[in-house]
Amino acid sequence: MKNLIIIFSVWFMVVSCTPPAPETSAFDEGVAKFEKNKAIAEATFDLFEKGDLETFMNNYADDLVWSPPNTNDSLSMEAFAEGMKGWHAEFENFKFKDRQYYPGVSDGDYIPDGGVRVYGTWHYNHKATGKVFETKYYGVFQFNEEGKIAYDLEWFDLGGIFAQLQE
């Protein structure tokens, strides 16, 4: 009887200490959303490099909010499209290298929210002078439910680019 009680006690402890089957957590869902949106961001940079601005623009929401590096203001999709055309009008041979992607996180609990942060270095040259440029870049993207970029916040040294053009 004593052995039966010991065996039953050990069995009960093993069974009661077994964790329940894992459920998908908010963290896991956020990471999955980040991975999906990271692939969209990666493809978007690739399209910009190739100069396929029409397909590039299709990755952005019609109601895009764009915060370029040279202003504290938020600009529209139309201003964004004009800006991207301007880059390709003046510069060529774009390559975005050393890309590093990190998930955006929600305020307070720091759970991935599907946003994408990216660091990298743009390499390109000025069409008129052939001058070669290398510009460090940081961007933050938030996506809508359709998987399009709804917020594009960018930081890089735009003044440094203009200064190099004046040299």
Protein backbone atom coordinates (compact mmCIF):
# COMPACT_ATOMS: atom_id res chain seq x y z
CA MET A 1 0.00 0.00 0.00
CA LYS A 2 2.87 2.31 0.88
CA ASN A 3 4.41 1.77 -2.60
CA LEU A 4 1.06 2.46 -4.24
CA ILE A 5 0.77 5.78 -2.41
CA ILE A 6 4.34 6.75 -3.42
CA ILE A 7 3.73 5.79 -7.06
CA PHE A 8 0.42 7.68 -7.11
CA SER A 9 2.05 10.74 -5.50
CA VAL A 10 4.89 10.79 -8.03
CA TRP A 11 2.44 10.32 -10.93
CA PHE A 12 0.23 13.13 -9.59
CA MET A 13 3.21 15.51 -9.30
CA VAL A 14 4.36 14.74 -12.84
CA VAL A 15 0.90 15.20 -14.33
CA SER A 16 0.11 18.36 -12.37
CA CYS A 17 3.46 19.98 -13.23
CA THR A 18 3.15 19.43 -16.97
CA PRO A 19 2.57 22.83 -18.58
CA PRO A 20 -0.46 23.27 -20.81
CA ALA A 21 0.00 23.27 -24.56
CA PRO A 22 1.40 26.65 -25.61
CA GLU A 23 -1.01 29.13 -27.11
CA THR A 24 -0.10 31.75 -29.65
CA SER A 25 0.81 34.82 -27.63
CA ALA A 26 0.49 38.47 -28.55
CA PHE A 27 4.29 38.51 -28.76
CA ASP A 28 4.36 35.63 -31.27
CA GLU A 29 1.60 37.26 -33.33
CA GLY A 30 3.55 40.55 -33.33
CA VAL A 31 6.73 38.81 -34.47
CA ALA A 32 4.84 37.07 -37.28
CA LYS A 33 3.37 40.41 -38.37
CA PHE A 34 6.83 41.99 -38.25
CA GLU A 35 8.31 39.22 -40.44
CA LYS A 36 5.54 39.72 -43.01
CA ASN A 37 5.95 43.50 -43.02
CA LYS A 38 9.75 43.25 -43.05
CA ALA A 39 9.50 41.32 -46.34
CA ILE A 40 7.33 44.13 -47.75
CA ALA A 41 9.85 46.77 -46.62
CA GLU A 42 12.73 44.75 -48.11
CA ALA A 43 10.91 44.44 -51.44
CA THR A 44 10.11 48.17 -51.37
CA PHE A 45 13.78 49.11 -50.98
CA ASP A 46 14.67 46.69 -53.79
CA LEU A 47 12.12 48.37 -56.08
CA PHE A 48 13.57 51.81 -55.30
CA GLU A 49 17.06 50.53 -56.15
CA LYS A 50 15.80 49.24 -59.51
CA GLY A 51 14.04 52.52 -60.27
CA ASP A 52 10.62 50.82 -60.55
CA LEU A 53 8.83 53.71 -58.87
CA GLU A 54 5.36 52.71 -60.09
CA THR A 55 5.48 49.32 -58.35
CA PHE A 56 7.38 50.92 -55.45
CA MET A 57 4.51 53.37 -54.89
CA ASN A 58 1.99 50.50 -54.84
CA ASN A 59 3.50 49.39 -51.51
CA TYR A 60 2.32 52.63 -49.87
CA ALA A 61 -1.18 53.47 -48.65
CA ASP A 62 -3.06 56.23 -50.47
CA ASP A 63 -3.36 58.11 -47.16
CA LEU A 64 0.38 57.75 -46.41
CA VAL A 65 1.84 60.01 -43.74
CA TRP A 66 5.46 60.74 -44.64
CA SER A 67 7.93 62.48 -42.35
CA PRO A 68 11.07 63.18 -44.39
CA PRO A 69 14.39 64.08 -42.75
CA ASN A 70 14.32 67.75 -43.69
CA THR A 71 11.13 68.72 -41.86
CA ASN A 72 9.22 68.15 -38.64
CA ASP A 73 6.03 68.17 -40.67
CA SER A 74 4.08 65.22 -42.05
CA LEU A 75 3.62 65.21 -45.79
CA SER A 76 1.20 63.47 -48.14
CA MET A 77 1.48 60.61 -50.60
CA GLU A 78 1.69 63.16 -53.43
CA ALA A 79 4.67 64.90 -51.82
CA PHE A 80 6.29 61.51 -51.19
CA ALA A 81 5.87 60.46 -54.85
CA GLU A 82 7.33 63.77 -56.01
CA GLY A 83 10.27 63.38 -53.63
CA MET A 84 11.08 59.85 -54.82
CA LYS A 85 10.94 60.95 -58.47
CA GLY A 86 13.27 63.81 -57.55
CA TRP A 87 15.84 61.41 -56.11
CA HIS A 88 15.82 59.36 -59.30
CA ALA A 89 15.97 62.47 -61.48
CA GLU A 90 19.20 63.66 -59.81
CA PHE A 91 20.90 60.43 -58.70
CA GLU A 92 21.43 56.89 -59.99
CA ASN A 93 22.87 53.47 -59.12
CA PHE A 94 21.07 53.26 -55.78
CA LYS A 95 22.13 50.41 -53.48
CA PHE A 96 20.82 50.05 -49.93
CA LYS A 97 23.46 48.01 -48.08
CA ASP A 98 24.01 46.67 -44.57
CA ARG A 99 20.27 46.51 -43.94
CA GLN A 100 19.31 45.73 -40.37
CA TYR A 101 15.64 45.25 -39.51
CA TYR A 102 14.09 45.41 -36.05
CA PRO A 103 10.47 45.17 -34.95
CA GLY A 104 8.51 48.21 -33.87
CA VAL A 105 6.92 47.75 -30.44
CA SER A 106 3.76 48.96 -28.73
CA ASP A 107 3.97 51.62 -26.03
CA GLY A 108 4.21 50.35 -22.50
CA ASP A 109 4.43 46.59 -22.94
CA TYR A 110 7.06 46.54 -25.74
CA ILE A 111 5.34 43.77 -27.66
CA PRO A 112 6.10 43.75 -31.42
CA ASP A 113 3.26 45.56 -33.20
CA GLY A 114 4.08 44.78 -36.83
CA GLY A 115 6.04 47.98 -37.35
CA VAL A 116 9.46 47.81 -38.99
CA ARG A 117 12.57 49.82 -38.11
CA VAL A 118 15.48 49.69 -40.51
CA TYR A 119 19.08 50.88 -40.47
CA GLY A 120 21.35 50.82 -43.47
CA THR A 121 23.61 52.77 -45.80
CA TRP A 122 22.53 54.14 -49.17
CA HIS A 123 25.18 54.16 -51.91
CA TYR A 124 24.47 56.18 -55.09
CA ASN A 125 25.98 58.74 -57.40
CA HIS A 126 25.01 62.15 -58.73
CA LYS A 127 24.07 61.97 -62.41
CA ALA A 128 25.47 65.37 -63.42
CA THR A 129 28.84 65.11 -61.66
CA GLY A 130 29.35 61.37 -61.13
CA LYS A 131 30.11 62.15 -57.48
CA VAL A 132 29.68 59.05 -55.30
CA PHE A 133 27.63 59.29 -52.11
CA GLU A 134 27.25 57.12 -49.04
CA THR A 135 24.47 58.06 -46.62
CA LYS A 136 23.50 56.37 -43.35
CA TYR A 137 19.75 55.90 -43.07
CA TYR A 138 17.16 55.08 -40.40
CA GLY A 139 13.48 54.54 -41.16
CA VAL A 140 10.37 53.57 -39.21
CA PHE A 141 7.40 52.06 -41.04
CA GLN A 142 3.89 51.32 -39.78
CA PHE A 143 1.57 49.22 -41.92
CA ASN A 144 -2.18 49.21 -42.43
CA GLU A 145 -4.42 46.12 -42.50
CA GLU A 146 -3.86 45.75 -46.27
CA GLY A 147 -0.11 45.36 -45.73
CA LYS A 148 0.74 48.78 -47.18
CA ILE A 149 3.06 51.29 -45.58
CA ALA A 150 0.83 53.86 -43.86
CA TYR A 151 3.53 55.81 -41.97
CA ASP A 152 7.06 56.40 -43.26
CA LEU A 153 9.37 58.28 -40.88
CA GLU A 154 12.92 58.83 -42.16
CA TRP A 155 16.19 60.17 -40.77
CA PHE A 156 19.40 60.84 -42.69
CA ASP A 157 21.78 63.76 -43.23
CA LEU A 158 20.12 65.60 -46.09
CA GLY A 159 22.21 68.72 -45.40
CA GLY A 160 25.37 66.66 -45.76
CA ILE A 161 24.26 65.56 -49.22
CA PHE A 162 23.74 69.16 -50.32
CA ALA A 163 27.10 70.18 -48.80
CA GLN A 164 28.87 67.44 -50.79
CA LEU A 165 27.19 68.64 -53.98
CA GLN A 166 28.62 72.13 -53.35
CA GLU A 167 32.22 70.85 -53.04
